[in-house]
């Protein structure tokens, strides 16, 4: 039964991969296609974090992020740093970003006191012509637990 399940999963995954570039993005073409698909998904789901496609958007965002970590210079920057840089490049003030909130909201985002939400990310990506993944928070890597051998030695 497990073999049949894996065979069906393989068939389904191949069919999905033809439409959505899930997995490692190896070329700029793959990357651009992934960004386009993510943009379309974000347009579809809007601010609905419980939408059935929200997990797919997050997974695709992680694939894009992995590519950007290697190929895009902004990858080590926080969303607030990226936004600040884009504002400087476009000679914008906080009051120029009214589409993402009041000047106070923009100030809190730039200071790192507030995270961007899906709506704000979508609007900023459209305004600056960049991938929404650029503004998505980088997931923190869990700290490694000591090996079982080390835990046992520490008990003694």
N, C-alpha and C. Protein backbone atom coordinates (compact mmCIF):
# COMPACT_ATOMS: atom_id res chain seq x y z
N UNK A 1 0.82 -1.19 0.00
CA UNK A 1 0.00 0.00 0.00
C UNK A 1 0.87 1.26 0.00
N UNK A 2 1.97 1.26 0.75
CA UNK A 2 2.84 2.41 0.80
C UNK A 2 3.46 2.68 -0.58
N UNK A 3 3.83 1.62 -1.30
CA UNK A 3 4.42 1.78 -2.63
C UNK A 3 3.43 2.48 -3.57
N UNK A 4 2.17 2.12 -3.50
CA UNK A 4 1.14 2.75 -4.34
C UNK A 4 0.98 4.22 -3.97
N UNK A 5 1.01 4.52 -2.66
CA UNK A 5 0.89 5.90 -2.18
C UNK A 5 2.06 6.74 -2.71
N UNK A 6 3.27 6.21 -2.63
CA UNK A 6 4.45 6.93 -3.11
C UNK A 6 4.37 7.13 -4.62
N UNK A 7 3.92 6.12 -5.35
CA UNK A 7 3.77 6.24 -6.80
C UNK A 7 2.77 7.34 -7.14
N UNK A 8 1.63 7.38 -6.43
CA UNK A 8 0.63 8.43 -6.66
C UNK A 8 1.19 9.81 -6.31
N UNK A 9 1.93 9.89 -5.22
CA UNK A 9 2.53 11.16 -4.81
C UNK A 9 3.52 11.64 -5.86
N UNK A 10 4.30 10.72 -6.42
CA UNK A 10 5.27 11.06 -7.46
C UNK A 10 4.55 11.64 -8.68
N UNK A 11 3.48 10.98 -9.09
CA UNK A 11 2.70 11.46 -10.24
C UNK A 11 2.12 12.84 -9.97
N UNK A 12 1.52 13.02 -8.78
CA UNK A 12 0.93 14.31 -8.42
C UNK A 12 2.00 15.40 -8.35
N UNK A 13 3.14 15.08 -7.75
CA UNK A 13 4.21 16.07 -7.61
C UNK A 13 4.73 16.51 -8.98
N UNK A 14 4.92 15.56 -9.88
CA UNK A 14 5.39 15.92 -11.22
C UNK A 14 4.39 16.83 -11.94
N UNK A 15 3.10 16.56 -11.75
CA UNK A 15 2.07 17.38 -12.37
C UNK A 15 2.09 18.79 -11.78
N UNK A 16 2.25 18.90 -10.46
CA UNK A 16 2.31 20.21 -9.81
C UNK A 16 3.56 20.97 -10.26
N UNK A 17 4.70 20.27 -10.35
CA UNK A 17 5.96 20.91 -10.74
C UNK A 17 5.89 21.50 -12.15
N UNK A 18 5.01 20.96 -13.00
CA UNK A 18 4.86 21.53 -14.34
C UNK A 18 4.25 22.92 -14.28
N UNK A 19 3.47 23.19 -13.24
CA UNK A 19 2.79 24.48 -13.11
C UNK A 19 3.44 25.40 -12.08
N UNK A 20 3.97 24.81 -11.01
CA UNK A 20 4.53 25.58 -9.89
C UNK A 20 5.94 25.09 -9.63
N UNK A 21 6.91 25.98 -9.70
CA UNK A 21 8.31 25.56 -9.52
C UNK A 21 8.69 25.31 -8.06
N UNK A 22 8.12 24.27 -7.48
CA UNK A 22 8.47 23.89 -6.11
C UNK A 22 9.77 23.10 -6.13
N UNK A 23 10.62 23.40 -5.22
CA UNK A 23 11.90 22.70 -5.16
C UNK A 23 13.02 23.68 -5.44
N UNK A 24 14.23 23.18 -5.52
CA UNK A 24 15.37 24.06 -5.76
C UNK A 24 15.24 24.81 -7.08
N UNK A 25 15.47 26.11 -7.01
CA UNK A 25 15.46 26.95 -8.22
C UNK A 25 16.90 27.07 -8.68
N UNK A 26 17.17 26.54 -9.85
CA UNK A 26 18.56 26.44 -10.30
C UNK A 26 18.95 27.50 -11.32
N UNK A 27 17.96 28.12 -11.95
CA UNK A 27 18.26 29.12 -12.98
C UNK A 27 17.46 30.39 -12.71
N UNK A 28 17.86 31.46 -13.34
CA UNK A 28 17.12 32.71 -13.22
C UNK A 28 15.72 32.56 -13.81
N UNK A 29 15.59 31.75 -14.83
CA UNK A 29 14.27 31.49 -15.42
C UNK A 29 13.36 30.81 -14.40
N UNK A 30 13.89 29.79 -13.70
CA UNK A 30 13.12 29.12 -12.64
C UNK A 30 12.71 30.14 -11.58
N UNK A 31 13.67 30.99 -11.19
CA UNK A 31 13.43 32.00 -10.16
C UNK A 31 12.32 32.96 -10.60
N UNK A 32 12.42 33.49 -11.82
CA UNK A 32 11.41 34.44 -12.32
C UNK A 32 10.04 33.79 -12.39
N UNK A 33 10.00 32.54 -12.80
CA UNK A 33 8.73 31.81 -12.87
C UNK A 33 8.14 31.65 -11.47
N UNK A 34 8.99 31.32 -10.51
CA UNK A 34 8.53 31.14 -9.13
C UNK A 34 7.98 32.45 -8.57
N UNK A 35 8.66 33.56 -8.84
CA UNK A 35 8.21 34.87 -8.37
C UNK A 35 6.86 35.21 -8.98
N UNK A 36 6.70 34.93 -10.27
CA UNK A 36 5.43 35.20 -10.95
C UNK A 36 4.30 34.38 -10.33
N UNK A 37 4.57 33.10 -10.10
CA UNK A 37 3.54 32.23 -9.50
C UNK A 37 3.21 32.70 -8.08
N UNK A 38 4.23 33.06 -7.30
CA UNK A 38 3.99 33.54 -5.93
C UNK A 38 3.16 34.81 -5.96
N UNK A 39 3.47 35.72 -6.87
CA UNK A 39 2.67 36.94 -7.00
C UNK A 39 1.20 36.62 -7.27
N UNK A 40 0.96 35.65 -8.16
CA UNK A 40 -0.41 35.27 -8.50
C UNK A 40 -1.11 34.63 -7.30
N UNK A 41 -0.39 33.81 -6.55
CA UNK A 41 -0.98 33.19 -5.35
C UNK A 41 -1.31 34.26 -4.32
N UNK A 42 -0.40 35.20 -4.09
CA UNK A 42 -0.64 36.27 -3.12
C UNK A 42 -1.83 37.11 -3.56
N UNK A 43 -1.95 37.37 -4.87
CA UNK A 43 -3.12 38.09 -5.37
C UNK A 43 -4.40 37.32 -5.06
N UNK A 44 -4.34 36.02 -5.18
CA UNK A 44 -5.51 35.16 -4.93
C UNK A 44 -5.89 35.12 -3.46
N UNK A 45 -4.91 34.94 -2.59
CA UNK A 45 -5.23 34.72 -1.17
C UNK A 45 -5.37 36.02 -0.38
N UNK A 46 -4.81 37.12 -0.91
CA UNK A 46 -4.92 38.39 -0.20
C UNK A 46 -4.34 38.30 1.20
N UNK A 47 -5.11 38.73 2.19
CA UNK A 47 -4.65 38.73 3.58
C UNK A 47 -5.09 37.49 4.35
N UNK A 48 -5.68 36.53 3.68
CA UNK A 48 -6.22 35.34 4.33
C UNK A 48 -5.11 34.35 4.68
N UNK A 49 -4.59 34.47 5.89
CA UNK A 49 -3.50 33.59 6.30
C UNK A 49 -3.95 32.14 6.47
N UNK A 50 -5.26 31.90 6.55
CA UNK A 50 -5.78 30.54 6.68
C UNK A 50 -6.25 29.98 5.34
N UNK A 51 -6.03 30.70 4.28
CA UNK A 51 -6.41 30.24 2.94
C UNK A 51 -5.67 28.93 2.63
N UNK A 52 -6.32 27.99 1.95
CA UNK A 52 -5.66 26.71 1.63
C UNK A 52 -4.35 26.86 0.86
N UNK A 53 -4.18 27.94 0.12
CA UNK A 53 -2.95 28.14 -0.64
C UNK A 53 -1.86 28.88 0.16
N UNK A 54 -2.15 29.28 1.40
CA UNK A 54 -1.17 30.02 2.19
C UNK A 54 0.09 29.19 2.45
N UNK A 55 -0.07 27.90 2.72
CA UNK A 55 1.10 27.04 2.93
C UNK A 55 1.91 26.91 1.65
N UNK A 56 1.23 26.82 0.53
CA UNK A 56 1.93 26.75 -0.75
C UNK A 56 2.72 28.04 -0.99
N UNK A 57 2.11 29.18 -0.69
CA UNK A 57 2.80 30.47 -0.85
C UNK A 57 4.03 30.52 0.04
N UNK A 58 3.90 30.06 1.27
CA UNK A 58 5.05 30.08 2.18
C UNK A 58 6.16 29.16 1.67
N UNK A 59 5.79 27.98 1.21
CA UNK A 59 6.78 27.03 0.69
C UNK A 59 7.47 27.59 -0.54
N UNK A 60 6.71 28.17 -1.44
CA UNK A 60 7.29 28.77 -2.63
C UNK A 60 8.19 29.95 -2.25
N UNK A 61 7.77 30.71 -1.25
CA UNK A 61 8.59 31.81 -0.76
C UNK A 61 9.93 31.31 -0.22
N UNK A 62 9.92 30.17 0.43
CA UNK A 62 11.17 29.59 0.94
C UNK A 62 12.08 29.15 -0.20
N UNK A 63 11.49 28.61 -1.27
CA UNK A 63 12.29 28.23 -2.45
C UNK A 63 12.92 29.47 -3.07
N UNK A 64 12.15 30.54 -3.17
CA UNK A 64 12.65 31.80 -3.72
C UNK A 64 13.74 32.36 -2.82
N UNK A 65 13.50 32.31 -1.52
CA UNK A 65 14.48 32.81 -0.57
C UNK A 65 15.80 32.06 -0.68
N UNK A 66 15.73 30.74 -0.83
CA UNK A 66 16.94 29.95 -0.96
C UNK A 66 17.74 30.38 -2.19
N UNK A 67 17.05 30.64 -3.29
CA UNK A 67 17.73 31.12 -4.50
C UNK A 67 18.34 32.50 -4.24
N UNK A 68 17.57 33.38 -3.61
CA UNK A 68 18.04 34.73 -3.35
C UNK A 68 19.22 34.76 -2.38
N UNK A 69 19.26 33.82 -1.45
CA UNK A 69 20.38 33.76 -0.51
C UNK A 69 21.70 33.61 -1.24
N UNK A 70 21.67 32.98 -2.39
CA UNK A 70 22.89 32.76 -3.16
C UNK A 70 23.08 33.84 -4.23
N UNK A 71 21.99 34.31 -4.83
CA UNK A 71 22.10 35.15 -6.03
C UNK A 71 21.68 36.61 -5.88
N UNK A 72 21.04 36.97 -4.78
CA UNK A 72 20.53 38.34 -4.64
C UNK A 72 21.18 39.00 -3.43
N UNK A 73 21.75 40.19 -3.59
CA UNK A 73 22.51 40.81 -2.51
C UNK A 73 21.70 41.21 -1.28
N UNK A 74 20.39 41.39 -1.38
CA UNK A 74 19.57 41.79 -0.24
C UNK A 74 19.30 40.67 0.75
N UNK A 75 19.67 39.45 0.43
CA UNK A 75 19.20 38.29 1.18
C UNK A 75 19.52 38.30 2.67
N UNK A 76 20.58 38.99 3.10
CA UNK A 76 20.92 39.02 4.52
C UNK A 76 20.24 40.16 5.26
N UNK A 77 19.51 40.99 4.57
CA UNK A 77 18.90 42.17 5.16
C UNK A 77 17.50 41.87 5.68
N UNK A 78 17.10 42.60 6.70
CA UNK A 78 15.74 42.48 7.22
C UNK A 78 14.79 43.24 6.30
N UNK A 79 13.50 42.99 6.46
CA UNK A 79 12.50 43.69 5.65
C UNK A 79 12.60 45.20 5.85
N UNK A 80 12.84 45.62 7.11
CA UNK A 80 12.94 47.06 7.37
C UNK A 80 14.17 47.66 6.69
N UNK A 81 15.29 46.93 6.67
CA UNK A 81 16.49 47.43 6.00
C UNK A 81 16.28 47.52 4.49
N UNK A 82 15.62 46.52 3.95
CA UNK A 82 15.34 46.51 2.51
C UNK A 82 14.42 47.67 2.16
N UNK A 83 13.37 47.86 2.96
CA UNK A 83 12.44 48.96 2.70
C UNK A 83 13.16 50.30 2.80
N UNK A 84 14.00 50.47 3.81
CA UNK A 84 14.76 51.71 3.97
C UNK A 84 15.65 51.96 2.73
N UNK A 85 16.31 50.92 2.26
CA UNK A 85 17.18 51.06 1.07
C UNK A 85 16.36 51.45 -0.15
N UNK A 86 15.23 50.79 -0.35
CA UNK A 86 14.38 51.11 -1.51
C UNK A 86 13.84 52.53 -1.41
N UNK A 87 13.49 52.95 -0.20
CA UNK A 87 13.01 54.33 -0.02
C UNK A 87 14.11 55.33 -0.39
N UNK A 88 15.34 55.04 0.03
CA UNK A 88 16.46 55.93 -0.30
C UNK A 88 16.71 55.96 -1.80
N UNK A 89 16.67 54.79 -2.43
CA UNK A 89 16.91 54.71 -3.88
C UNK A 89 15.85 55.47 -4.67
N UNK A 90 14.62 55.52 -4.15
CA UNK A 90 13.53 56.18 -4.85
C UNK A 90 13.21 57.56 -4.26
N UNK A 91 14.07 58.03 -3.35
CA UNK A 91 13.91 59.35 -2.71
C UNK A 91 12.52 59.51 -2.09
N UNK A 92 12.10 58.50 -1.32
CA UNK A 92 10.79 58.53 -0.70
C UNK A 92 10.90 58.84 0.79
N UNK A 93 9.86 59.49 1.31
CA UNK A 93 9.74 59.74 2.75
C UNK A 93 8.70 58.77 3.30
N UNK A 94 8.64 58.69 4.61
CA UNK A 94 7.66 57.80 5.24
C UNK A 94 6.24 58.15 4.80
N UNK A 95 5.97 59.42 4.68
CA UNK A 95 4.62 59.85 4.29
C UNK A 95 4.28 59.46 2.85
N UNK A 96 5.28 59.10 2.04
CA UNK A 96 5.03 58.69 0.66
C UNK A 96 4.51 57.25 0.57
N UNK A 97 4.56 56.53 1.68
CA UNK A 97 4.13 55.13 1.68
C UNK A 97 2.78 54.95 2.37
N UNK A 98 1.86 55.84 2.09
CA UNK A 98 0.55 55.80 2.74
C UNK A 98 -0.23 54.51 2.43
N UNK A 99 0.12 53.83 1.35
CA UNK A 99 -0.59 52.60 1.00
C UNK A 99 -0.32 51.48 2.01
N UNK A 100 0.76 51.58 2.78
CA UNK A 100 1.01 50.53 3.78
C UNK A 100 0.62 50.95 5.19
N UNK A 101 0.21 52.22 5.34
CA UNK A 101 -0.25 52.68 6.64
C UNK A 101 0.15 54.12 6.89
N UNK A 102 -0.18 54.56 8.09
CA UNK A 102 0.15 55.93 8.48
C UNK A 102 1.66 56.08 8.61
N UNK A 103 2.09 57.32 8.76
CA UNK A 103 3.52 57.57 8.94
C UNK A 103 4.02 56.87 10.20
N UNK A 104 3.17 56.78 11.23
CA UNK A 104 3.54 56.09 12.46
C UNK A 104 3.75 54.59 12.23
N UNK A 105 2.89 53.99 11.42
CA UNK A 105 3.03 52.57 11.08
C UNK A 105 4.32 52.34 10.30
N UNK A 106 4.57 53.19 9.33
CA UNK A 106 5.79 53.08 8.52
C UNK A 106 7.01 53.22 9.43
N UNK A 107 6.97 54.15 10.36
CA UNK A 107 8.07 54.36 11.29
C UNK A 107 8.32 53.11 12.14
N UNK A 108 7.24 52.49 12.62
CA UNK A 108 7.38 51.26 13.42
C UNK A 108 7.96 50.12 12.58
N UNK A 109 7.58 50.04 11.32
CA UNK A 109 8.13 49.00 10.42
C UNK A 109 9.62 49.25 10.20
N UNK A 110 9.97 50.50 9.93
CA UNK A 110 11.37 50.83 9.67
C UNK A 110 12.26 50.63 10.90
N UNK A 111 11.68 50.80 12.08
CA UNK A 111 12.47 50.62 13.31
C UNK A 111 12.51 49.16 13.76
N UNK A 112 11.73 48.30 13.09
CA UNK A 112 11.71 46.89 13.45
C UNK A 112 10.73 46.56 14.56
N UNK A 113 9.93 47.53 14.99
CA UNK A 113 8.95 47.30 16.05
C UNK A 113 7.71 46.58 15.53
N UNK A 114 7.50 46.63 14.22
CA UNK A 114 6.31 46.03 13.61
C UNK A 114 6.75 45.30 12.35
N UNK A 115 6.16 44.12 12.14
CA UNK A 115 6.43 43.36 10.92
C UNK A 115 5.45 43.76 9.83
N UNK A 116 5.87 43.57 8.60
CA UNK A 116 4.98 43.79 7.46
C UNK A 116 3.96 42.67 7.40
N UNK A 117 2.72 43.00 7.02
CA UNK A 117 1.72 41.96 6.82
C UNK A 117 1.62 41.64 5.33
N UNK A 118 0.81 40.65 4.98
CA UNK A 118 0.71 40.19 3.59
C UNK A 118 0.28 41.31 2.66
N UNK A 119 -0.70 42.10 3.07
CA UNK A 119 -1.18 43.21 2.23
C UNK A 119 -0.06 44.21 1.98
N UNK A 120 0.67 44.57 3.03
CA UNK A 120 1.74 45.54 2.89
C UNK A 120 2.86 45.00 1.99
N UNK A 121 3.20 43.74 2.18
CA UNK A 121 4.23 43.11 1.35
C UNK A 121 3.82 43.14 -0.12
N UNK A 122 2.57 42.79 -0.39
CA UNK A 122 2.06 42.79 -1.76
C UNK A 122 2.14 44.18 -2.38
N UNK A 123 1.74 45.18 -1.62
CA UNK A 123 1.75 46.54 -2.16
C UNK A 123 3.16 47.07 -2.37
N UNK A 124 4.06 46.75 -1.44
CA UNK A 124 5.45 47.19 -1.60
C UNK A 124 6.12 46.50 -2.79
N UNK A 125 5.85 45.21 -2.94
CA UNK A 125 6.43 44.46 -4.07
C UNK A 125 5.96 45.06 -5.39
N UNK A 126 4.66 45.38 -5.48
CA UNK A 126 4.12 45.98 -6.70
C UNK A 126 4.71 47.38 -6.93
N UNK A 127 4.80 48.16 -5.87
CA UNK A 127 5.31 49.53 -6.01
C UNK A 127 6.75 49.56 -6.51
N UNK A 128 7.59 48.67 -5.95
CA UNK A 128 9.01 48.69 -6.29
C UNK A 128 9.38 47.69 -7.38
N UNK A 129 8.42 46.87 -7.83
CA UNK A 129 8.69 45.91 -8.89
C UNK A 129 9.66 44.82 -8.46
N UNK A 130 9.48 44.32 -7.23
CA UNK A 130 10.35 43.28 -6.70
C UNK A 130 9.49 42.09 -6.25
N UNK A 131 10.15 41.01 -5.93
CA UNK A 131 9.45 39.83 -5.44
C UNK A 131 8.91 40.08 -4.03
N UNK A 132 7.70 39.63 -3.74
CA UNK A 132 7.20 39.73 -2.37
C UNK A 132 8.10 38.99 -1.38
N UNK A 133 8.79 37.96 -1.86
CA UNK A 133 9.67 37.18 -0.99
C UNK A 133 10.78 38.05 -0.41
N UNK A 134 11.11 39.14 -1.07
CA UNK A 134 12.16 40.03 -0.59
C UNK A 134 11.82 40.59 0.79
N UNK A 135 10.53 40.77 1.07
CA UNK A 135 10.10 41.36 2.34
C UNK A 135 9.68 40.32 3.38
N UNK A 136 9.67 39.06 3.00
CA UNK A 136 9.23 38.03 3.93
C UNK A 136 10.31 37.76 4.97
N UNK A 137 9.87 37.55 6.21
CA UNK A 137 10.87 37.31 7.26
C UNK A 137 11.62 36.02 7.01
N UNK A 138 12.88 36.03 7.38
CA UNK A 138 13.72 34.85 7.23
C UNK A 138 13.46 33.95 8.44
N UNK A 139 13.05 32.71 8.20
CA UNK A 139 12.80 31.83 9.34
C UNK A 139 14.07 31.58 10.12
N UNK A 140 13.93 31.58 11.44
CA UNK A 140 15.08 31.32 12.29
C UNK A 140 15.34 29.83 12.34
N UNK A 141 16.61 29.46 12.25
CA UNK A 141 16.97 28.06 12.30
C UNK A 141 16.89 27.61 13.75
N UNK A 142 16.26 26.46 13.99
CA UNK A 142 16.20 25.98 15.37
C UNK A 142 17.60 25.63 15.85
N UNK A 143 17.82 25.89 17.13
CA UNK A 143 19.13 25.53 17.67
C UNK A 143 19.22 24.01 17.73
N UNK A 144 20.41 23.52 17.51
CA UNK A 144 20.61 22.08 17.50
C UNK A 144 20.61 21.56 18.93
N UNK A 145 19.90 20.50 19.13
CA UNK A 145 19.91 19.85 20.44
C UNK A 145 21.16 19.00 20.52
N UNK A 146 21.71 18.86 21.72
CA UNK A 146 22.87 17.98 21.83
C UNK A 146 22.50 16.56 21.45
N UNK A 147 23.44 15.83 20.94
CA UNK A 147 23.18 14.45 20.56
C UNK A 147 22.78 13.65 21.80
N UNK A 148 22.12 12.53 21.57
CA UNK A 148 21.69 11.70 22.70
C UNK A 148 22.89 11.25 23.51
N UNK A 149 24.01 10.99 22.87
CA UNK A 149 25.22 10.56 23.59
C UNK A 149 25.69 11.67 24.53
N UNK A 150 25.65 12.93 24.05
CA UNK A 150 26.08 14.04 24.89
C UNK A 150 25.09 14.27 26.03
N UNK A 151 23.77 14.13 25.77
CA UNK A 151 22.78 14.30 26.83
C UNK A 151 22.97 13.25 27.90
N UNK A 152 23.24 12.02 27.51
CA UNK A 152 23.45 10.95 28.48
C UNK A 152 24.70 11.23 29.29
N UNK A 153 25.78 11.69 28.65
CA UNK A 153 27.02 12.00 29.37
C UNK A 153 26.81 13.13 30.35
N UNK A 154 25.96 14.12 29.99
CA UNK A 154 25.70 15.26 30.87
C UNK A 154 24.92 14.86 32.11
N UNK A 155 24.16 13.78 32.04
CA UNK A 155 23.38 13.32 33.21
C UNK A 155 24.27 12.69 34.26
N UNK A 156 25.40 12.18 33.88
CA UNK A 156 26.25 11.46 34.82
C UNK A 156 26.95 12.36 35.77
